[in-house]
Amino acid sequence: QSLGQGLELVQEAISRFHQEYVTRVDYNSTVETKHAGQLKKHNVLLEGLNGVTSKLSYTVFEEHTPKLAKALERLQILEDEQALVRAQTDDMRQQTLTMQEQIRAEMEEFKR
């Protein structure tokens, strides 16, 4: 860098100084007071959310999970019983068809 460029950079920094400068009073008011207050409020809200999250977690894992497990168990039993009923129904249907064929054959014998 040349000396002129360095001087130009310093002058730009000095000209921005009054725009970027924050007084101690403003800093204290904004950062130390307002921001600290906001952080405290956010912490209180976060603690509340943690409580809600904890309750929801308990509800899901301690109440709903066992209920879902029982419901799935009952569903499996119903599906197994339905499969048995279906097999019995198919068997009865086949027996009925066989019996109908026998009766028709016997009726044909009577007709002759």
N, C-alpha and C. Protein backbone atom coordinates (compact mmCIF):
# COMPACT_ATOMS: atom_id res chain seq x y z
N GLN A 1 0.85 -1.19 0.00
CA GLN A 1 0.00 0.00 0.00
C GLN A 1 0.89 1.24 0.00
N SER A 2 0.38 2.21 -0.66
CA SER A 2 1.11 3.47 -0.63
C SER A 2 0.68 4.27 0.58
N LEU A 3 1.42 5.24 0.89
CA LEU A 3 1.12 6.10 2.04
C LEU A 3 -0.21 6.81 1.84
N GLY A 4 -0.50 7.20 0.60
CA GLY A 4 -1.77 7.88 0.30
C GLY A 4 -2.96 6.97 0.51
N GLN A 5 -2.81 5.68 0.11
CA GLN A 5 -3.90 4.73 0.31
C GLN A 5 -4.13 4.47 1.80
N GLY A 6 -3.06 4.35 2.55
CA GLY A 6 -3.17 4.14 3.99
C GLY A 6 -3.87 5.30 4.66
N LEU A 7 -3.49 6.52 4.25
CA LEU A 7 -4.12 7.71 4.82
C LEU A 7 -5.60 7.75 4.48
N GLU A 8 -5.93 7.35 3.27
CA GLU A 8 -7.33 7.34 2.83
C GLU A 8 -8.15 6.36 3.66
N LEU A 9 -7.59 5.17 3.93
CA LEU A 9 -8.28 4.18 4.76
C LEU A 9 -8.51 4.69 6.18
N VAL A 10 -7.51 5.34 6.73
CA VAL A 10 -7.63 5.89 8.08
C VAL A 10 -8.69 6.98 8.12
N GLN A 11 -8.73 7.83 7.11
CA GLN A 11 -9.73 8.90 7.06
C GLN A 11 -11.14 8.33 6.94
N GLU A 12 -11.29 7.27 6.15
CA GLU A 12 -12.60 6.63 6.04
C GLU A 12 -13.04 6.05 7.39
N ALA A 13 -12.10 5.43 8.08
CA ALA A 13 -12.42 4.86 9.39
C ALA A 13 -12.82 5.96 10.37
N ILE A 14 -12.10 7.07 10.33
CA ILE A 14 -12.42 8.19 11.21
C ILE A 14 -13.77 8.80 10.86
N SER A 15 -14.10 8.87 9.57
CA SER A 15 -15.38 9.45 9.18
C SER A 15 -16.55 8.53 9.57
N ARG A 16 -16.30 7.22 9.61
CA ARG A 16 -17.35 6.28 10.04
C ARG A 16 -17.47 6.22 11.55
N PHE A 17 -16.46 6.68 12.25
CA PHE A 17 -16.41 6.55 13.70
C PHE A 17 -17.63 7.19 14.36
N HIS A 18 -18.03 8.36 13.93
CA HIS A 18 -19.17 9.02 14.58
C HIS A 18 -20.49 8.29 14.28
N GLN A 19 -20.55 7.54 13.18
CA GLN A 19 -21.76 6.78 12.86
C GLN A 19 -21.80 5.46 13.64
N GLU A 20 -20.65 4.84 13.83
CA GLU A 20 -20.59 3.52 14.46
C GLU A 20 -20.36 3.58 15.97
N TYR A 21 -19.98 4.73 16.47
CA TYR A 21 -19.67 4.87 17.89
C TYR A 21 -20.95 4.77 18.72
N VAL A 22 -20.90 3.99 19.78
CA VAL A 22 -22.01 3.85 20.71
C VAL A 22 -21.54 4.34 22.06
N THR A 23 -22.30 5.22 22.64
CA THR A 23 -21.90 5.73 23.96
C THR A 23 -22.10 4.66 25.01
N ARG A 24 -21.41 4.80 26.10
CA ARG A 24 -21.51 3.83 27.20
C ARG A 24 -22.94 3.79 27.74
N VAL A 25 -23.61 4.92 27.80
CA VAL A 25 -24.99 4.99 28.29
C VAL A 25 -25.91 4.20 27.36
N ASP A 26 -25.75 4.41 26.03
CA ASP A 26 -26.58 3.68 25.07
C ASP A 26 -26.29 2.18 25.13
N TYR A 27 -25.01 1.84 25.24
CA TYR A 27 -24.63 0.43 25.33
C TYR A 27 -25.26 -0.20 26.56
N ASN A 28 -25.15 0.49 27.69
CA ASN A 28 -25.72 -0.01 28.94
C ASN A 28 -27.23 -0.17 28.80
N SER A 29 -27.87 0.81 28.22
CA SER A 29 -29.32 0.77 28.06
C SER A 29 -29.74 -0.38 27.16
N THR A 30 -29.06 -0.50 26.04
CA THR A 30 -29.46 -1.51 25.05
C THR A 30 -29.01 -2.91 25.43
N VAL A 31 -27.74 -3.09 25.62
CA VAL A 31 -27.19 -4.43 25.82
C VAL A 31 -27.39 -4.92 27.24
N GLU A 32 -26.95 -4.15 28.19
CA GLU A 32 -26.95 -4.64 29.56
C GLU A 32 -28.34 -4.62 30.19
N THR A 33 -29.21 -3.74 29.77
CA THR A 33 -30.54 -3.68 30.38
C THR A 33 -31.59 -4.40 29.53
N LYS A 34 -31.79 -3.91 28.31
CA LYS A 34 -32.84 -4.50 27.46
C LYS A 34 -32.53 -5.95 27.10
N HIS A 35 -31.33 -6.19 26.62
CA HIS A 35 -30.98 -7.55 26.21
C HIS A 35 -30.97 -8.51 27.39
N ALA A 36 -30.47 -8.06 28.52
CA ALA A 36 -30.47 -8.92 29.71
C ALA A 36 -31.90 -9.25 30.12
N GLY A 37 -32.77 -8.26 30.05
CA GLY A 37 -34.18 -8.51 30.37
C GLY A 37 -34.82 -9.48 29.40
N GLN A 38 -34.52 -9.32 28.13
CA GLN A 38 -35.05 -10.24 27.12
C GLN A 38 -34.53 -11.66 27.34
N LEU A 39 -33.26 -11.76 27.68
CA LEU A 39 -32.70 -13.09 27.94
C LEU A 39 -33.38 -13.76 29.14
N LYS A 40 -33.66 -12.97 30.18
CA LYS A 40 -34.35 -13.53 31.34
C LYS A 40 -35.75 -14.00 30.97
N LYS A 41 -36.47 -13.19 30.17
CA LYS A 41 -37.81 -13.59 29.72
C LYS A 41 -37.74 -14.85 28.87
N HIS A 42 -36.76 -14.90 27.99
CA HIS A 42 -36.61 -16.09 27.14
C HIS A 42 -36.28 -17.33 27.97
N ASN A 43 -35.48 -17.15 29.01
CA ASN A 43 -35.18 -18.29 29.89
C ASN A 43 -36.44 -18.80 30.58
N VAL A 44 -37.28 -17.87 31.04
CA VAL A 44 -38.53 -18.27 31.68
C VAL A 44 -39.40 -19.03 30.67
N LEU A 45 -39.49 -18.52 29.45
CA LEU A 45 -40.28 -19.19 28.42
C LEU A 45 -39.71 -20.56 28.08
N LEU A 46 -38.40 -20.65 28.00
CA LEU A 46 -37.76 -21.94 27.72
C LEU A 46 -38.03 -22.95 28.82
N GLU A 47 -38.01 -22.49 30.07
CA GLU A 47 -38.32 -23.39 31.18
C GLU A 47 -39.75 -23.89 31.07
N GLY A 48 -40.66 -22.99 30.68
CA GLY A 48 -42.05 -23.40 30.46
C GLY A 48 -42.16 -24.42 29.34
N LEU A 49 -41.44 -24.18 28.25
CA LEU A 49 -41.45 -25.14 27.14
C LEU A 49 -40.85 -26.48 27.56
N ASN A 50 -39.82 -26.43 28.37
CA ASN A 50 -39.24 -27.68 28.87
C ASN A 50 -40.26 -28.46 29.69
N GLY A 51 -41.05 -27.75 30.48
CA GLY A 51 -42.10 -28.41 31.26
C GLY A 51 -43.14 -29.05 30.35
N VAL A 52 -43.56 -28.32 29.33
CA VAL A 52 -44.54 -28.87 28.39
C VAL A 52 -43.96 -30.07 27.65
N THR A 53 -42.72 -29.93 27.22
CA THR A 53 -42.05 -31.03 26.52
C THR A 53 -41.96 -32.27 27.40
N SER A 54 -41.65 -32.05 28.65
CA SER A 54 -41.55 -33.16 29.59
C SER A 54 -42.91 -33.85 29.75
N LYS A 55 -43.97 -33.06 29.88
CA LYS A 55 -45.32 -33.64 30.02
C LYS A 55 -45.71 -34.40 28.76
N LEU A 56 -45.41 -33.83 27.59
CA LEU A 56 -45.74 -34.50 26.33
C LEU A 56 -44.95 -35.81 26.20
N SER A 57 -43.70 -35.76 26.57
CA SER A 57 -42.87 -36.96 26.50
C SER A 57 -43.44 -38.04 27.41
N TYR A 58 -43.82 -37.66 28.61
CA TYR A 58 -44.42 -38.62 29.54
C TYR A 58 -45.70 -39.20 28.95
N THR A 59 -46.53 -38.32 28.41
CA THR A 59 -47.80 -38.77 27.84
C THR A 59 -47.56 -39.77 26.71
N VAL A 60 -46.62 -39.46 25.85
CA VAL A 60 -46.36 -40.34 24.71
C VAL A 60 -45.76 -41.66 25.16
N PHE A 61 -44.72 -41.61 25.97
CA PHE A 61 -43.99 -42.82 26.28
C PHE A 61 -44.60 -43.62 27.43
N GLU A 62 -45.22 -42.97 28.38
CA GLU A 62 -45.74 -43.69 29.54
C GLU A 62 -47.22 -44.05 29.40
N GLU A 63 -47.96 -43.29 28.59
CA GLU A 63 -49.39 -43.56 28.46
C GLU A 63 -49.74 -44.13 27.09
N HIS A 64 -49.33 -43.45 26.03
CA HIS A 64 -49.75 -43.87 24.69
C HIS A 64 -49.04 -45.12 24.21
N THR A 65 -47.76 -45.25 24.49
CA THR A 65 -47.01 -46.40 24.00
C THR A 65 -47.59 -47.72 24.52
N PRO A 66 -47.87 -47.84 25.81
CA PRO A 66 -48.49 -49.09 26.27
C PRO A 66 -49.88 -49.32 25.66
N LYS A 67 -50.65 -48.23 25.50
CA LYS A 67 -51.97 -48.38 24.88
C LYS A 67 -51.84 -48.86 23.44
N LEU A 68 -50.88 -48.29 22.71
CA LEU A 68 -50.66 -48.72 21.34
C LEU A 68 -50.22 -50.18 21.28
N ALA A 69 -49.37 -50.58 22.21
CA ALA A 69 -48.90 -51.96 22.23
C ALA A 69 -50.08 -52.91 22.48
N LYS A 70 -50.95 -52.54 23.42
CA LYS A 70 -52.13 -53.37 23.70
C LYS A 70 -53.07 -53.41 22.50
N ALA A 71 -53.25 -52.26 21.84
CA ALA A 71 -54.12 -52.22 20.67
C ALA A 71 -53.56 -53.09 19.55
N LEU A 72 -52.25 -53.05 19.35
CA LEU A 72 -51.63 -53.90 18.33
C LEU A 72 -51.77 -55.38 18.68
N GLU A 73 -51.64 -55.68 19.95
CA GLU A 73 -51.80 -57.07 20.40
C GLU A 73 -53.22 -57.55 20.14
N ARG A 74 -54.21 -56.71 20.48
CA ARG A 74 -55.61 -57.07 20.24
C ARG A 74 -55.89 -57.20 18.74
N LEU A 75 -55.31 -56.32 17.95
CA LEU A 75 -55.48 -56.38 16.50
C LEU A 75 -54.92 -57.69 15.95
N GLN A 76 -53.76 -58.10 16.44
CA GLN A 76 -53.17 -59.35 15.98
C GLN A 76 -54.07 -60.53 16.33
N ILE A 77 -54.64 -60.52 17.54
CA ILE A 77 -55.56 -61.58 17.94
C ILE A 77 -56.77 -61.60 17.01
N LEU A 78 -57.33 -60.42 16.73
CA LEU A 78 -58.50 -60.35 15.83
C LEU A 78 -58.15 -60.85 14.43
N GLU A 79 -56.97 -60.48 13.94
CA GLU A 79 -56.57 -60.96 12.61
C GLU A 79 -56.41 -62.47 12.60
N ASP A 80 -55.84 -63.02 13.65
CA ASP A 80 -55.67 -64.48 13.74
C ASP A 80 -57.03 -65.16 13.79
N GLU A 81 -57.96 -64.63 14.59
CA GLU A 81 -59.30 -65.20 14.68
C GLU A 81 -60.04 -65.06 13.34
N GLN A 82 -59.86 -63.94 12.67
CA GLN A 82 -60.49 -63.73 11.37
C GLN A 82 -59.97 -64.75 10.36
N ALA A 83 -58.68 -65.02 10.40
CA ALA A 83 -58.11 -66.03 9.50
C ALA A 83 -58.72 -67.40 9.77
N LEU A 84 -58.93 -67.74 11.04
CA LEU A 84 -59.56 -69.01 11.41
C LEU A 84 -61.01 -69.05 10.91
N VAL A 85 -61.75 -67.96 11.12
CA VAL A 85 -63.14 -67.89 10.65
C VAL A 85 -63.18 -68.01 9.13
N ARG A 86 -62.28 -67.37 8.45
CA ARG A 86 -62.23 -67.44 6.99
C ARG A 86 -61.98 -68.87 6.53
N ALA A 87 -61.05 -69.56 7.19
CA ALA A 87 -60.75 -70.95 6.84
C ALA A 87 -61.97 -71.83 7.08
N GLN A 88 -62.65 -71.62 8.20
CA GLN A 88 -63.85 -72.41 8.50
C GLN A 88 -64.95 -72.12 7.49
N THR A 89 -65.10 -70.85 7.13
CA THR A 89 -66.13 -70.47 6.15
C THR A 89 -65.83 -71.10 4.80
N ASP A 90 -64.59 -71.05 4.38
CA ASP A 90 -64.21 -71.67 3.10
C ASP A 90 -64.48 -73.17 3.12
N ASP A 91 -64.16 -73.79 4.24
CA ASP A 91 -64.40 -75.23 4.38
C ASP A 91 -65.90 -75.53 4.31
N MET A 92 -66.70 -74.75 5.02
CA MET A 92 -68.16 -74.95 5.01
C MET A 92 -68.73 -74.71 3.61
N ARG A 93 -68.22 -73.72 2.93
CA ARG A 93 -68.68 -73.43 1.58
C ARG A 93 -68.39 -74.63 0.66
N GLN A 94 -67.20 -75.17 0.79
CA GLN A 94 -66.83 -76.32 -0.04
C GLN A 94 -67.70 -77.52 0.29
N GLN A 95 -67.95 -77.75 1.58
CA GLN A 95 -68.82 -78.86 1.98
C GLN A 95 -70.24 -78.66 1.44
N THR A 96 -70.73 -77.43 1.47
CA THR A 96 -72.07 -77.13 0.95
C THR A 96 -72.13 -77.39 -0.55
N LEU A 97 -71.13 -76.96 -1.29
CA LEU A 97 -71.09 -77.20 -2.73
C LEU A 97 -71.06 -78.70 -3.04
N THR A 98 -70.26 -79.42 -2.28
CA THR A 98 -70.18 -80.87 -2.47
C THR A 98 -71.53 -81.52 -2.19
N MET A 99 -72.17 -81.09 -1.11
CA MET A 99 -73.48 -81.63 -0.75
C MET A 99 -74.51 -81.30 -1.82
N GLN A 100 -74.49 -80.08 -2.34
CA GLN A 100 -75.42 -79.69 -3.41
C GLN A 100 -75.22 -80.56 -4.64
N GLU A 101 -73.98 -80.82 -4.99
CA GLU A 101 -73.69 -81.67 -6.15
C GLU A 101 -74.23 -83.08 -5.92
N GLN A 102 -74.05 -83.60 -4.71
CA GLN A 102 -74.56 -84.94 -4.40
C GLN A 102 -76.08 -84.99 -4.50
N ILE A 103 -76.74 -83.96 -3.95
CA ILE A 103 -78.20 -83.91 -3.98
C ILE A 103 -78.69 -83.82 -5.42
N ARG A 104 -78.07 -82.99 -6.22
CA ARG A 104 -78.46 -82.88 -7.63
C ARG A 104 -78.27 -84.21 -8.36
N ALA A 105 -77.15 -84.87 -8.04
CA ALA A 105 -76.91 -86.18 -8.68
C ALA A 105 -77.98 -87.17 -8.28
N GLU A 106 -78.36 -87.19 -6.99
CA GLU A 106 -79.41 -88.10 -6.52
C GLU A 106 -80.76 -87.76 -7.14
N MET A 107 -81.02 -86.45 -7.31
CA MET A 107 -82.29 -86.03 -7.95
C MET A 107 -82.34 -86.48 -9.41
N GLU A 108 -81.20 -86.41 -10.06
CA GLU A 108 -81.12 -86.88 -11.43
C GLU A 108 -81.40 -88.37 -11.50
N GLU A 109 -80.93 -89.14 -10.49
CA GLU A 109 -81.19 -90.58 -10.43
C GLU A 109 -82.67 -90.85 -10.30
N PHE A 110 -83.38 -90.04 -9.49
CA PHE A 110 -84.83 -90.22 -9.29
C PHE A 110 -85.61 -89.95 -10.57
N LYS A 111 -85.14 -88.97 -11.34
CA LYS A 111 -85.82 -88.60 -12.57
C LYS A 111 -85.78 -89.73 -13.58
N ARG A 112 -84.83 -90.60 -13.56
CA ARG A 112 -84.67 -91.67 -14.53
C ARG A 112 -85.45 -92.85 -14.22
